[in-house]
Amino acid sequence: VQLQASGGGLVQAGGSLRLSCAASGRTLVEYVMGWLRQAPGKTREFVAAVSRTGGTTYYADSVKGRFTISRDNAKNTVYLQMNSLKPEDTAVYYCAADVSRTAAYYSDHPNEFDYWGQGTLVTVSS
């Protein structure tokens, strides 16, 4: 599966952005999907994951209550709605997919997704 992330940009603190991840090559419903991010000088970290049907979601504590992951399997697209953005949310955001594990697995194993998109930069100014 190929993943194409989009929707990043520059936003002021307190603002919102919605990231999209379009999948091609395979049917999205086969995959657990996730969003991860990497800030400058830091290691990549888990942000959110969603089960194949969209019925179960997981979030990092740092984004819980502010970010929402969702998916539209008919459109082969996963979204990350980001509200109340903070300067510490500044990072390159990556979407990722895996066919073999459950969504719960990735909060503790964020780098073990099988497929990755190219990343989209989110910059939050103070």
PDB file of N, CA and C in Angstrom:
ATOM      1  N   VAL A   1       0.852  -1.183   0.000  1.00  0.00           N
ATOM      2  CA  VAL A   1       0.000   0.000   0.000  1.00  0.00           C
ATOM      3  C   VAL A   1       0.894   1.242   0.000  1.00  0.00           C
ATOM      4  N   GLN A   2       0.473   2.261  -0.744  1.00  0.00           N
ATOM      5  CA  GLN A   2       1.191   3.537  -0.760  1.00  0.00           C
ATOM      6  C   GLN A   2       0.352   4.566   0.004  1.00  0.00           C
ATOM      7  N   LEU A   3       1.048   5.386   0.792  1.00  0.00           N
ATOM      8  CA  LEU A   3       0.370   6.351   1.648  1.00  0.00           C
ATOM      9  C   LEU A   3       0.840   7.760   1.314  1.00  0.00           C
ATOM     10  N   GLN A   4      -0.091   8.679   1.210  1.00  0.00           N
ATOM     11  CA  GLN A   4       0.225  10.068   0.878  1.00  0.00           C
ATOM     12  C   GLN A   4      -0.434  10.970   1.910  1.00  0.00           C
ATOM     13  N   ALA A   5       0.384  11.576   2.764  1.00  0.00           N
ATOM     14  CA  ALA A   5      -0.135  12.480   3.793  1.00  0.00           C
ATOM     15  C   ALA A   5      -0.179  13.912   3.273  1.00  0.00           C
ATOM     16  N   SER A   6      -1.173  14.656   3.725  1.00  0.00           N
ATOM     17  CA  SER A   6      -1.308  16.056   3.332  1.00  0.00           C
ATOM     18  C   SER A   6      -2.042  16.814   4.425  1.00  0.00           C
ATOM     19  N   GLY A   7      -2.064  18.145   4.288  1.00  0.00           N
ATOM     20  CA  GLY A   7      -2.833  18.969   5.209  1.00  0.00           C
ATOM     21  C   GLY A   7      -2.018  19.740   6.219  1.00  0.00           C
ATOM     22  N   GLY A   8      -0.710  19.526   6.248  1.00  0.00           N
ATOM     23  CA  GLY A   8       0.115  20.265   7.174  1.00  0.00           C
ATOM     24  C   GLY A   8       0.227  21.727   6.794  1.00  0.00           C
ATOM     25  N   GLY A   9       0.797  22.510   7.696  1.00  0.00           N
ATOM     26  CA  GLY A   9       0.963  23.931   7.427  1.00  0.00           C
ATOM     27  C   GLY A   9       1.325  24.685   8.679  1.00  0.00           C
ATOM     28  N   LEU A  10       1.243  25.998   8.583  1.00  0.00           N
ATOM     29  CA  LEU A  10       1.550  26.888   9.699  1.00  0.00           C
ATOM     30  C   LEU A  10       0.245  27.366  10.323  1.00  0.00           C
ATOM     31  N   VAL A  11       0.147  27.253  11.633  1.00  0.00           N
ATOM     32  CA  VAL A  11      -1.061  27.659  12.346  1.00  0.00           C
ATOM     33  C   VAL A  11      -0.663  28.276  13.680  1.00  0.00           C
ATOM     34  N   GLN A  12      -1.454  29.195  14.165  1.00  0.00           N
ATOM     35  CA  GLN A  12      -1.186  29.799  15.472  1.00  0.00           C
ATOM     36  C   GLN A  12      -1.642  28.870  16.587  1.00  0.00           C
ATOM     37  N   ALA A  13      -1.018  29.022  17.719  1.00  0.00           N
ATOM     38  CA  ALA A  13      -1.427  28.250  18.886  1.00  0.00           C
ATOM     39  C   ALA A  13      -2.919  28.457  19.154  1.00  0.00           C
ATOM     40  N   GLY A  14      -3.584  27.360  19.472  1.00  0.00           N
ATOM     41  CA  GLY A  14      -5.025  27.390  19.680  1.00  0.00           C
ATOM     42  C   GLY A  14      -5.822  27.083  18.437  1.00  0.00           C
ATOM     43  N   GLY A  15      -5.171  27.064  17.296  1.00  0.00           N
ATOM     44  CA  GLY A  15      -5.845  26.798  16.042  1.00  0.00           C
ATOM     45  C   GLY A  15      -6.027  25.314  15.762  1.00  0.00           C
ATOM     46  N   SER A  16      -6.530  25.030  14.558  1.00  0.00           N
ATOM     47  CA  SER A  16      -6.834  23.668  14.164  1.00  0.00           C
ATOM     48  C   SER A  16      -6.293  23.355  12.774  1.00  0.00           C
ATOM     49  N   LEU A  17      -6.017  22.101  12.556  1.00  0.00           N
ATOM     50  CA  LEU A  17      -5.658  21.585  11.240  1.00  0.00           C
ATOM     51  C   LEU A  17      -6.249  20.185  11.110  1.00  0.00           C
ATOM     52  N   ARG A  18      -6.515  19.786   9.884  1.00  0.00           N
ATOM     53  CA  ARG A  18      -6.899  18.399   9.631  1.00  0.00           C
ATOM     54  C   ARG A  18      -5.933  17.787   8.631  1.00  0.00           C
ATOM     55  N   LEU A  19      -5.283  16.739   9.059  1.00  0.00           N
ATOM     56  CA  LEU A  19      -4.401  15.996   8.182  1.00  0.00           C
ATOM     57  C   LEU A  19      -5.179  14.871   7.514  1.00  0.00           C
ATOM     58  N   SER A  20      -4.785  14.566   6.280  1.00  0.00           N
ATOM     59  CA  SER A  20      -5.375  13.458   5.547  1.00  0.00           C
ATOM     60  C   SER A  20      -4.273  12.513   5.092  1.00  0.00           C
ATOM     61  N   CYS A  21      -4.622  11.255   4.999  1.00  0.00           N
ATOM     62  CA  CYS A  21      -3.702  10.247   4.500  1.00  0.00           C
ATOM     63  C   CYS A  21      -4.466   9.385   3.504  1.00  0.00           C
ATOM     64  N   ALA A  22      -4.121   9.542   2.233  1.00  0.00           N
ATOM     65  CA  ALA A  22      -4.779   8.783   1.175  1.00  0.00           C
ATOM     66  C   ALA A  22      -3.964   7.532   0.869  1.00  0.00           C
ATOM     67  N   ALA A  23      -4.647   6.415   0.823  1.00  0.00           N
ATOM     68  CA  ALA A  23      -3.997   5.145   0.551  1.00  0.00           C
ATOM     69  C   ALA A  23      -4.336   4.679  -0.858  1.00  0.00           C
ATOM     70  N   SER A  24      -3.377   4.039  -1.484  1.00  0.00           N
ATOM     71  CA  SER A  24      -3.603   3.467  -2.812  1.00  0.00           C
ATOM     72  C   SER A  24      -2.888   2.141  -2.912  1.00  0.00           C
ATOM     73  N   GLY A  25      -3.341   1.331  -3.808  1.00  0.00           N
ATOM     74  CA  GLY A  25      -2.698   0.048  -4.038  1.00  0.00           C
ATOM     75  C   GLY A  25      -3.390  -1.123  -3.373  1.00  0.00           C
ATOM     76  N   ARG A  26      -3.970  -0.874  -2.208  1.00  0.00           N
ATOM     77  CA  ARG A  26      -4.708  -1.929  -1.506  1.00  0.00           C
ATOM     78  C   ARG A  26      -5.930  -1.313  -0.841  1.00  0.00           C
ATOM     79  N   THR A  27      -6.839  -2.138  -0.441  1.00  0.00           N
ATOM     80  CA  THR A  27      -8.041  -1.669   0.254  1.00  0.00           C
ATOM     81  C   THR A  27      -7.700  -1.305   1.686  1.00  0.00           C
ATOM     82  N   LEU A  28      -8.074  -0.107   2.069  1.00  0.00           N
ATOM     83  CA  LEU A  28      -7.652   0.407   3.372  1.00  0.00           C
ATOM     84  C   LEU A  28      -8.182  -0.424   4.531  1.00  0.00           C
ATOM     85  N   VAL A  29      -9.317  -1.046   4.363  1.00  0.00           N
ATOM     86  CA  VAL A  29      -9.933  -1.768   5.468  1.00  0.00           C
ATOM     87  C   VAL A  29      -9.065  -2.928   5.959  1.00  0.00           C
ATOM     88  N   GLU A  30      -8.099  -3.328   5.161  1.00  0.00           N
ATOM     89  CA  GLU A  30      -7.192  -4.408   5.571  1.00  0.00           C
ATOM     90  C   GLU A  30      -6.201  -3.965   6.640  1.00  0.00           C
ATOM     91  N   TYR A  31      -6.061  -2.653   6.850  1.00  0.00           N
ATOM     92  CA  TYR A  31      -4.957  -2.129   7.639  1.00  0.00           C
ATOM     93  C   TYR A  31      -5.401  -1.407   8.903  1.00  0.00           C
ATOM     94  N   VAL A  32      -4.676  -1.652   9.958  1.00  0.00           N
ATOM     95  CA  VAL A  32      -4.686  -0.740  11.090  1.00  0.00           C
ATOM     96  C   VAL A  32      -3.908   0.503  10.648  1.00  0.00           C
ATOM     97  N   MET A  33      -4.410   1.687  11.007  1.00  0.00           N
ATOM     98  CA  MET A  33      -3.783   2.922  10.588  1.00  0.00           C
ATOM     99  C   MET A  33      -3.355   3.750  11.790  1.00  0.00           C
ATOM    100  N   GLY A  34      -2.289   4.501  11.598  1.00  0.00           N
ATOM    101  CA  GLY A  34      -1.809   5.334  12.692  1.00  0.00           C
ATOM    102  C   GLY A  34      -1.201   6.624  12.202  1.00  0.00           C
ATOM    103  N   TRP A  35      -1.080   7.552  13.141  1.00  0.00           N
ATOM    104  CA  TRP A  35      -0.341   8.784  12.918  1.00  0.00           C
ATOM    105  C   TRP A  35       0.782   8.848  13.951  1.00  0.00           C
ATOM    106  N   LEU A  36       1.936   9.244  13.496  1.00  0.00           N
ATOM    107  CA  LEU A  36       3.093   9.430  14.361  1.00  0.00           C
ATOM    108  C   LEU A  36       3.708  10.771  14.000  1.00  0.00           C
ATOM    109  N   ARG A  37       4.594  11.261  14.868  1.00  0.00           N
ATOM    110  CA  ARG A  37       5.222  12.541  14.577  1.00  0.00           C
ATOM    111  C   ARG A  37       6.665  12.552  15.068  1.00  0.00           C
ATOM    112  N   GLN A  38       7.437  13.403  14.436  1.00  0.00           N
ATOM    113  CA  GLN A  38       8.833  13.574  14.838  1.00  0.00           C
ATOM    114  C   GLN A  38       9.157  15.056  14.856  1.00  0.00           C
ATOM    115  N   ALA A  39       9.435  15.548  16.044  1.00  0.00           N
ATOM    116  CA  ALA A  39       9.825  16.937  16.210  1.00  0.00           C
ATOM    117  C   ALA A  39      11.329  17.074  15.982  1.00  0.00           C
ATOM    118  N   PRO A  40      11.792  18.263  15.651  1.00  0.00           N
ATOM    119  CA  PRO A  40      13.233  18.465  15.426  1.00  0.00           C
ATOM    120  C   PRO A  40      14.064  18.028  16.626  1.00  0.00           C
ATOM    121  N   GLY A  41      15.054  17.189  16.370  1.00  0.00           N
ATOM    122  CA  GLY A  41      15.945  16.744  17.426  1.00  0.00           C
ATOM    123  C   GLY A  41      15.380  15.687  18.344  1.00  0.00           C
ATOM    124  N   LYS A  42      14.188  15.183  18.027  1.00  0.00           N
ATOM    125  CA  LYS A  42      13.559  14.187  18.891  1.00  0.00           C
ATOM    126  C   LYS A  42      13.274  12.913  18.113  1.00  0.00           C
ATOM    127  N   THR A  43      13.035  11.849  18.847  1.00  0.00           N
ATOM    128  CA  THR A  43      12.681  10.592  18.200  1.00  0.00           C
ATOM    129  C   THR A  43      11.208  10.601  17.797  1.00  0.00           C
ATOM    130  N   ARG A  44      10.877   9.760  16.855  1.00  0.00           N
ATOM    131  CA  ARG A  44       9.496   9.669  16.402  1.00  0.00           C
ATOM    132  C   ARG A  44       8.626   9.104  17.518  1.00  0.00           C
ATOM    133  N   GLU A  45       7.427   9.653  17.655  1.00  0.00           N
ATOM    134  CA  GLU A  45       6.545   9.215  18.731  1.00  0.00           C
ATOM    135  C   GLU A  45       5.141   8.935  18.199  1.00  0.00           C
ATOM    136  N   PHE A  46       4.476   8.072  18.918  1.00  0.00           N
ATOM    137  CA  PHE A  46       3.096   7.695  18.608  1.00  0.00           C
ATOM    138  C   PHE A  46       2.161   8.863  18.889  1.00  0.00           C
ATOM    139  N   VAL A  47       1.193   9.054  17.985  1.00  0.00           N
ATOM    140  CA  VAL A  47       0.160  10.075  18.191  1.00  0.00           C
ATOM    141  C   VAL A  47      -1.208   9.415  18.364  1.00  0.00           C
ATOM    142  N   ALA A  48      -1.589   8.584  17.384  1.00  0.00           N
ATOM    143  CA  ALA A  48      -2.919   7.970  17.434  1.00  0.00           C
ATOM    144  C   ALA A  48      -2.957   6.766  16.510  1.00  0.00           C
ATOM    145  N   ALA A  49      -3.881   5.861  16.797  1.00  0.00           N
ATOM    146  CA  ALA A  49      -4.110   4.700  15.932  1.00  0.00           C
ATOM    147  C   ALA A  49      -5.591   4.384  15.918  1.00  0.00           C
ATOM    148  N   VAL A  50      -6.035   3.758  14.842  1.00  0.00           N
ATOM    149  CA  VAL A  50      -7.436   3.402  14.683  1.00  0.00           C
ATOM    150  C   VAL A  50      -7.533   1.993  14.130  1.00  0.00           C
ATOM    151  N   SER A  51      -8.499   1.257  14.641  1.00  0.00           N
ATOM    152  CA  SER A  51      -8.698  -0.121  14.194  1.00  0.00           C
ATOM    153  C   SER A  51      -9.219  -0.156  12.753  1.00  0.00           C
ATOM    154  N   ARG A  52      -9.280  -1.343  12.202  1.00  0.00           N
ATOM    155  CA  ARG A  52      -9.637  -1.500  10.784  1.00  0.00           C
ATOM    156  C   ARG A  52     -11.036  -0.956  10.467  1.00  0.00           C
ATOM    157  N   THR A  53     -11.957  -1.121  11.384  1.00  0.00           N
ATOM    158  CA  THR A  53     -13.320  -0.652  11.133  1.00  0.00           C
ATOM    159  C   THR A  53     -13.540   0.774  11.608  1.00  0.00           C
ATOM    160  N   GLY A  54     -12.581   1.309  12.351  1.00  0.00           N
ATOM    161  CA  GLY A  54     -12.739   2.653  12.922  1.00  0.00           C
ATOM    162  C   GLY A  54     -13.413   2.664  14.272  1.00  0.00           C
ATOM    163  N   GLY A  55     -13.748   1.501  14.777  1.00  0.00           N
ATOM    164  CA  GLY A  55     -14.504   1.442  16.013  1.00  0.00           C
ATOM    165  C   GLY A  55     -13.689   1.658  17.275  1.00  0.00           C
ATOM    166  N   THR A  56     -12.384   1.495  17.175  1.00  0.00           N
ATOM    167  CA  THR A  56     -11.516   1.643  18.349  1.00  0.00           C
ATOM    168  C   THR A  56     -10.363   2.575  18.015  1.00  0.00           C
ATOM    169  N   THR A  57     -10.098   3.496  18.916  1.00  0.00           N
ATOM    170  CA  THR A  57      -9.010   4.449  18.707  1.00  0.00           C
ATOM    171  C   THR A  57      -8.118   4.521  19.939  1.00  0.00           C
ATOM    172  N   TYR A  58      -6.879   4.904  19.726  1.00  0.00           N
ATOM    173  CA  TYR A  58      -5.900   5.049  20.799  1.00  0.00           C
ATOM    174  C   TYR A  58      -5.148   6.352  20.576  1.00  0.00           C
ATOM    175  N   TYR A  59      -4.811   7.004  21.682  1.00  0.00           N
ATOM    176  CA  TYR A  59      -4.135   8.297  21.600  1.00  0.00           C
ATOM    177  C   TYR A  59      -2.987   8.374  22.597  1.00  0.00           C
ATOM    178  N   ALA A  60      -1.967   9.124  22.218  1.00  0.00           N
ATOM    179  CA  ALA A  60      -0.940   9.487  23.183  1.00  0.00           C
ATOM    180  C   ALA A  60      -1.556  10.431  24.210  1.00  0.00           C
ATOM    181  N   ASP A  61      -1.076  10.362  25.427  1.00  0.00           N
ATOM    182  CA  ASP A  61      -1.622  11.221  26.479  1.00  0.00           C
ATOM    183  C   ASP A  61      -1.490  12.698  26.117  1.00  0.00           C
ATOM    184  N   SER A  62      -0.445  13.039  25.399  1.00  0.00           N
ATOM    185  CA  SER A  62      -0.176  14.439  25.076  1.00  0.00           C
ATOM    186  C   SER A  62      -1.198  15.049  24.121  1.00  0.00           C
ATOM    187  N   VAL A  63      -1.952  14.215  23.411  1.00  0.00           N
ATOM    188  CA  VAL A  63      -2.919  14.736  22.435  1.00  0.00           C
ATOM    189  C   VAL A  63      -4.355  14.351  22.781  1.00  0.00           C
ATOM    190  N   LYS A  64      -4.524  13.534  23.790  1.00  0.00           N
ATOM    191  CA  LYS A  64      -5.858  13.062  24.144  1.00  0.00           C
ATOM    192  C   LYS A  64      -6.773  14.237  24.471  1.00  0.00           C
ATOM    193  N   GLY A  65      -7.964  14.230  23.890  1.00  0.00           N
ATOM    194  CA  GLY A  65      -8.910  15.317  24.103  1.00  0.00           C
ATOM    195  C   GLY A  65      -8.769  16.457  23.124  1.00  0.00           C
ATOM    196  N   ARG A  66      -7.668  16.493  22.379  1.00  0.00           N
ATOM    197  CA  ARG A  66      -7.445  17.558  21.388  1.00  0.00           C
ATOM    198  C   ARG A  66      -7.441  17.021  19.958  1.00  0.00           C
ATOM    199  N   PHE A  67      -6.934  15.824  19.766  1.00  0.00           N
ATOM    200  CA  PHE A  67      -6.822  15.218  18.435  1.00  0.00           C
ATOM    201  C   PHE A  67      -7.841  14.096  18.285  1.00  0.00           C
ATOM    202  N   THR A  68      -8.308  13.913  17.053  1.00  0.00           N
ATOM    203  CA  THR A  68      -9.229  12.824  16.749  1.00  0.00           C
ATOM    204  C   THR A  68      -8.793  12.130  15.468  1.00  0.00           C
ATOM    205  N   ILE A  69      -8.577  10.833  15.552  1.00  0.00           N
ATOM    206  CA  ILE A  69      -8.255  10.042  14.372  1.00  0.00           C
ATOM    207  C   ILE A  69      -9.549   9.395  13.877  1.00  0.00           C
ATOM    208  N   SER A  70      -9.716   9.368  12.562  1.00  0.00           N
ATOM    209  CA  SER A  70     -10.889   8.729  11.970  1.00  0.00           C
ATOM    210  C   SER A  70     -10.506   8.184  10.607  1.00  0.00           C
ATOM    211  N   ARG A  71     -11.376   7.381  10.058  1.00  0.00           N
ATOM    212  CA  ARG A  71     -11.094   6.799   8.745  1.00  0.00           C
ATOM    213  C   ARG A  71     -12.368   6.677   7.951  1.00  0.00           C
ATOM    214  N   ASP A  72     -12.215   6.785   6.639  1.00  0.00           N
ATOM    215  CA  ASP A  72     -13.307   6.554   5.703  1.00  0.00           C
ATOM    216  C   ASP A  72     -12.814   5.489   4.743  1.00  0.00           C
ATOM    217  N   ASN A  73     -13.172   4.251   5.029  1.00  0.00           N
ATOM    218  CA  ASN A  73     -12.651   3.151   4.209  1.00  0.00           C
ATOM    219  C   ASN A  73     -13.165   3.204   2.779  1.00  0.00           C
ATOM    220  N   ALA A  74     -14.331   3.770   2.580  1.00  0.00           N
ATOM    221  CA  ALA A  74     -14.860   3.897   1.222  1.00  0.00           C
ATOM    222  C   ALA A  74     -14.020   4.860   0.389  1.00  0.00           C
ATOM    223  N   LYS A  75     -13.406   5.842   1.045  1.00  0.00           N
ATOM    224  CA  LYS A  75     -12.549   6.808   0.347  1.00  0.00           C
ATOM    225  C   LYS A  75     -11.073   6.456   0.491  1.00  0.00           C
ATOM    226  N   ASN A  76     -10.781   5.358   1.176  1.00  0.00           N
ATOM    227  CA  ASN A  76      -9.383   4.951   1.384  1.00  0.00           C
ATOM    228  C   ASN A  76      -8.553   6.055   2.024  1.00  0.00           C
ATOM    229  N   THR A  77      -9.132   6.712   2.998  1.00  0.00           N
ATOM    230  CA  THR A  77      -8.486   7.872   3.606  1.00  0.00           C
ATOM    231  C   THR A  77      -8.621   7.825   5.126  1.00  0.00           C
ATOM    232  N   VAL A  78      -7.542   8.236   5.791  1.00  0.00           N
ATOM    233  CA  VAL A  78      -7.527   8.374   7.238  1.00  0.00           C
ATOM    234  C   VAL A  78      -7.275   9.845   7.557  1.00  0.00           C
ATOM    235  N   TYR A  79      -7.877  10.323   8.644  1.00  0.00           N
ATOM    236  CA  TYR A  79      -7.772  11.724   9.006  1.00  0.00           C
ATOM    237  C   TYR A  79      -7.221  11.876  10.424  1.00  0.00           C
ATOM    238  N   LEU A  80      -6.618  13.021  10.653  1.00  0.00           N
ATOM    239  CA  LEU A  80      -6.254  13.403  12.009  1.00  0.00           C
ATOM    240  C   LEU A  80      -6.712  14.849  12.202  1.00  0.00           C
ATOM    241  N   GLN A  81      -7.787  15.017  12.941  1.00  0.00           N
ATOM    242  CA  GLN A  81      -8.277  16.354  13.276  1.00  0.00           C
ATOM    243  C   GLN A  81      -7.528  16.836  14.504  1.00  0.00           C
ATOM    244  N   MET A  82      -6.859  17.965  14.385  1.00  0.00           N
ATOM    245  CA  MET A  82      -6.043  18.488  15.467  1.00  0.00           C
ATOM    246  C   MET A  82      -6.607  19.843  15.902  1.00  0.00           C
ATOM    247  N   ASN A  83      -7.065  19.909  17.130  1.00  0.00           N
ATOM    248  CA  ASN A  83      -7.617  21.141  17.688  1.00  0.00           C
ATOM    249  C   ASN A  83      -6.761  21.617  18.852  1.00  0.00           C
ATOM    250  N   SER A  84      -6.950  22.867  19.230  1.00  0.00           N
ATOM    251  CA  SER A  84      -6.221  23.451  20.365  1.00  0.00           C
ATOM    252  C   SER A  84      -4.718  23.185  20.241  1.00  0.00           C
ATOM    253  N   LEU A  85      -4.193  23.457  19.086  1.00  0.00           N
ATOM    254  CA  LEU A  85      -2.786  23.148  18.819  1.00  0.00           C
ATOM    255  C   LEU A  85      -1.868  23.980  19.696  1.00  0.00           C
ATOM    256  N   LYS A  86      -0.758  23.362  20.054  1.00  0.00           N
ATOM    257  CA  LYS A  86       0.255  23.986  20.911  1.00  0.00           C
ATOM    258  C   LYS A  86       1.593  24.016  20.170  1.00  0.00           C
ATOM    259  N   PRO A  87       2.469  24.931  20.523  1.00  0.00           N
ATOM    260  CA  PRO A  87       3.792  24.950  19.860  1.00  0.00           C
ATOM    261  C   PRO A  87       4.518  23.602  19.960  1.00  0.00           C
ATOM    262  N   GLU A  88       4.307  22.866  21.028  1.00  0.00           N
ATOM    263  CA  GLU A  88       4.978  21.567  21.170  1.00  0.00           C
ATOM    264  C   GLU A  88       4.397  20.496  20.260  1.00  0.00           C
ATOM    265  N   ASP A  89       3.333  20.809  19.535  1.00  0.00           N
ATOM    266  CA  ASP A  89       2.817  19.893  18.526  1.00  0.00           C
ATOM    267  C   ASP A  89       3.568  20.031  17.198  1.00  0.00           C
ATOM    268  N   THR A  90       4.443  21.003  17.102  1.00  0.00           N
ATOM    269  CA  THR A  90       5.229  21.194  15.886  1.00  0.00           C
ATOM    270  C   THR A  90       6.068  19.963  15.597  1.00  0.00           C
ATOM    271  N   ALA A  91       5.904  19.412  14.388  1.00  0.00           N
ATOM    272  CA  ALA A  91       6.595  18.177  14.016  1.00  0.00           C
ATOM    273  C   ALA A  91       6.246  17.829  12.573  1.00  0.00           C
ATOM    274  N   VAL A  92       6.981  16.875  12.046  1.00  0.00           N
ATOM    275  CA  VAL A  92       6.569  16.213  10.816  1.00  0.00           C
ATOM    276  C   VAL A  92       5.660  15.055  11.211  1.00  0.00           C
ATOM    277  N   TYR A  93       4.484  15.032  10.632  1.00  0.00           N
ATOM    278  CA  TYR A  93       3.487  14.006  10.947  1.00  0.00           C
ATOM    279  C   TYR A  93       3.473  12.961   9.834  1.00  0.00           C
ATOM    280  N   TYR A  94       3.515  11.707  10.256  1.00  0.00           N
ATOM    281  CA  TYR A  94       3.531  10.586   9.334  1.00  0.00           C
ATOM    282  C   TYR A  94       2.292   9.721   9.541  1.00  0.00           C
ATOM    283  N   CYS A  95       1.701   9.284   8.438  1.00  0.00           N
ATOM    284  CA  CYS A  95       0.697   8.237   8.564  1.00  0.00           C
ATOM    285  C   CYS A  95       1.364   6.898   8.274  1.00  0.00           C
ATOM    286  N   ALA A  96       0.813   5.870   8.862  1.00  0.00           N
ATOM    287  CA  ALA A  96       1.405   4.550   8.758  1.00  0.00           C
ATOM    288  C   ALA A  96       0.319   3.493   8.775  1.00  0.00           C
ATOM    289  N   ALA A  97       0.667   2.323   8.246  1.00  0.00           N
ATOM    290  CA  ALA A  97      -0.308   1.239   8.124  1.00  0.00           C
ATOM    291  C   ALA A  97       0.341  -0.092   8.455  1.00  0.00           C
ATOM    292  N   ASP A  98      -0.479  -0.984   8.978  1.00  0.00           N
ATOM    293  CA  ASP A  98       0.003  -2.339   9.246  1.00  0.00           C
ATOM    294  C   ASP A  98      -1.143  -3.316   9.086  1.00  0.00           C
ATOM    295  N   VAL A  99      -0.814  -4.478   8.563  1.00  0.00           N
ATOM    296  CA  VAL A  99      -1.870  -5.443   8.275  1.00  0.00           C
ATOM    297  C   VAL A  99      -1.952  -6.539   9.324  1.00  0.00           C
ATOM    298  N   SER A 100      -0.923  -6.687  10.162  1.00  0.00           N
ATOM    299  CA  SER A 100      -0.833  -7.904  10.955  1.00  0.00           C
ATOM    300  C   SER A 100      -1.115  -7.757  12.443  1.00  0.00           C
ATOM    301  N   ARG A 101      -1.216  -6.525  12.963  1.00  0.00           N
ATOM    302  CA  ARG A 101      -1.398  -6.371  14.411  1.00  0.00           C
ATOM    303  C   ARG A 101      -2.647  -5.550  14.715  1.00  0.00           C
ATOM    304  N   THR A 102      -2.959  -5.429  15.990  1.00  0.00           N
ATOM    305  CA  THR A 102      -4.113  -4.625  16.386  1.00  0.00           C
ATOM    306  C   THR A 102      -3.685  -3.196  16.674  1.00  0.00           C
ATOM    307  N   ALA A 103      -4.627  -2.291  16.681  1.00  0.00           N
ATOM    308  CA  ALA A 103      -4.316  -0.881  16.911  1.00  0.00           C
ATOM    309  C   ALA A 103      -3.689  -0.654  18.281  1.00  0.00           C
ATOM    310  N   ALA A 104      -4.087  -1.439  19.268  1.00  0.00           N
ATOM    311  CA  ALA A 104      -3.570  -1.262  20.624  1.00  0.00           C
ATOM    312  C   ALA A 104      -2.066  -1.459  20.703  1.00  0.00           C
ATOM    313  N   TYR A 105      -1.523  -2.248  19.819  1.00  0.00           N
ATOM    314  CA  TYR A 105      -0.100  -2.599  19.859  1.00  0.00           C
ATOM    315  C   TYR A 105       0.794  -1.377  19.661  1.00  0.00           C
ATOM    316  N   TYR A 106       0.367  -0.419  18.877  1.00  0.00           N
ATOM    317  CA  TYR A 106       1.276   0.616  18.393  1.00  0.00           C
ATOM    318  C   TYR A 106       1.522   1.764  19.355  1.00  0.00           C
ATOM    319  N   SER A 107       0.701   1.902  20.362  1.00  0.00           N
ATOM    320  CA  SER A 107       0.978   2.947  21.346  1.00  0.00           C
ATOM    321  C   SER A 107       2.304   2.666  22.057  1.00  0.00           C
ATOM    322  N   ASP A 108       2.662   1.412  22.196  1.00  0.00           N
ATOM    323  CA  ASP A 108       3.934   1.035  22.816  1.00  0.00           C
ATOM    324  C   ASP A 108       5.005   0.636  21.809  1.00  0.00           C
ATOM    325  N   HIS A 109       4.628   0.460  20.556  1.00  0.00           N
ATOM    326  CA  HIS A 109       5.579   0.031  19.519  1.00  0.00           C
ATOM    327  C   HIS A 109       5.386   0.900  18.281  1.00  0.00           C
ATOM    328  N   PRO A 110       5.604   2.191  18.390  1.00  0.00           N
ATOM    329  CA  PRO A 110       5.231   3.103  17.312  1.00  0.00           C
ATOM    330  C   PRO A 110       5.998   2.923  16.023  1.00  0.00           C
ATOM    331  N   ASN A 111       7.161   2.329  16.067  1.00  0.00           N
ATOM    332  CA  ASN A 111       7.978   2.229  14.857  1.00  0.00           C
ATOM    333  C   ASN A 111       7.796   0.905  14.113  1.00  0.00           C
ATOM    334  N   GLU A 112       6.842   0.115  14.542  1.00  0.00           N
ATOM    335  CA  GLU A 112       6.697  -1.214  13.945  1.00  0.00           C
ATOM    336  C   GLU A 112       5.585  -1.313  12.908  1.00  0.00           C
ATOM    337  N   PHE A 113       5.060  -0.166  12.459  1.00  0.00           N
ATOM    338  CA  PHE A 113       4.170  -0.192  11.310  1.00  0.00           C
ATOM    339  C   PHE A 113       4.962  -0.660  10.088  1.00  0.00           C
ATOM    340  N   ASP A 114       4.286  -1.354   9.198  1.00  0.00           N
ATOM    341  CA  ASP A 114       4.955  -1.890   8.017  1.00  0.00           C
ATOM    342  C   ASP A 114       5.104  -0.855   6.898  1.00  0.00           C
ATOM    343  N   TYR A 115       4.159   0.066   6.793  1.00  0.00           N
ATOM    344  CA  TYR A 115       4.129   1.002   5.673  1.00  0.00           C
ATOM    345  C   TYR A 115       4.034   2.433   6.195  1.00  0.00           C
ATOM    346  N   TRP A 116       4.761   3.316   5.521  1.00  0.00           N
ATOM    347  CA  TRP A 116       4.834   4.715   5.967  1.00  0.00           C
ATOM    348  C   TRP A 116       4.596   5.668   4.805  1.00  0.00           C
ATOM    349  N   GLY A 117       3.938   6.784   5.091  1.00  0.00           N
ATOM    350  CA  GLY A 117       3.842   7.873   4.138  1.00  0.00           C
ATOM    351  C   GLY A 117       5.055   8.781   4.251  1.00  0.00           C
ATOM    352  N   GLN A 118       5.066   9.831   3.461  1.00  0.00           N
ATOM    353  CA  GLN A 118       6.246  10.683   3.352  1.00  0.00           C
ATOM    354  C   GLN A 118       6.300  11.766   4.419  1.00  0.00           C
ATOM    355  N   GLY A 119       5.243  12.028   5.130  1.00  0.00           N
ATOM    356  CA  GLY A 119       5.247  13.040   6.178  1.00  0.00           C
ATOM    357  C   GLY A 119       4.747  14.381   5.690  1.00  0.00           C
ATOM    358  N   THR A 120       4.108  15.103   6.599  1.00  0.00           N
ATOM    359  CA  THR A 120       3.648  16.454   6.317  1.00  0.00           C
ATOM    360  C   THR A 120       3.979  17.324   7.532  1.00  0.00           C
ATOM    361  N   LEU A 121       4.522  18.509   7.290  1.00  0.00           N
ATOM    362  CA  LEU A 121       5.027  19.349   8.362  1.00  0.00           C
ATOM    363  C   LEU A 121       3.913  20.203   8.962  1.00  0.00           C
ATOM    364  N   VAL A 122       3.816  20.156  10.273  1.00  0.00           N
ATOM    365  CA  VAL A 122       2.905  21.009  11.025  1.00  0.00           C
ATOM    366  C   VAL A 122       3.742  21.931  11.900  1.00  0.00           C
ATOM    367  N   THR A 123       3.525  23.230  11.755  1.00  0.00           N
ATOM    368  CA  THR A 123       4.243  24.219  12.546  1.00  0.00           C
ATOM    369  C   THR A 123       3.229  25.059  13.308  1.00  0.00           C
ATOM    370  N   VAL A 124       3.365  25.081  14.623  1.00  0.00           N
ATOM    371  CA  VAL A 124       2.446  25.844  15.467  1.00  0.00           C
ATOM    372  C   VAL A 124       3.219  26.994  16.091  1.00  0.00           C
ATOM    373  N   SER A 125       2.812  28.203  15.781  1.00  0.00           N
ATOM    374  CA  SER A 125       3.502  29.378  16.304  1.00  0.00           C
ATOM    375  C   SER A 125       2.838  29.849  17.599  1.00  0.00           C
ATOM    376  N   SER A 126       3.661  30.410  18.463  1.00  0.00           N
ATOM    377  CA  SER A 126       3.147  30.865  19.763  1.00  0.00           C
ATOM    378  C   SER A 126       2.639  32.290  19.701  1.00  0.00           C
TER     379      SER A 126
END
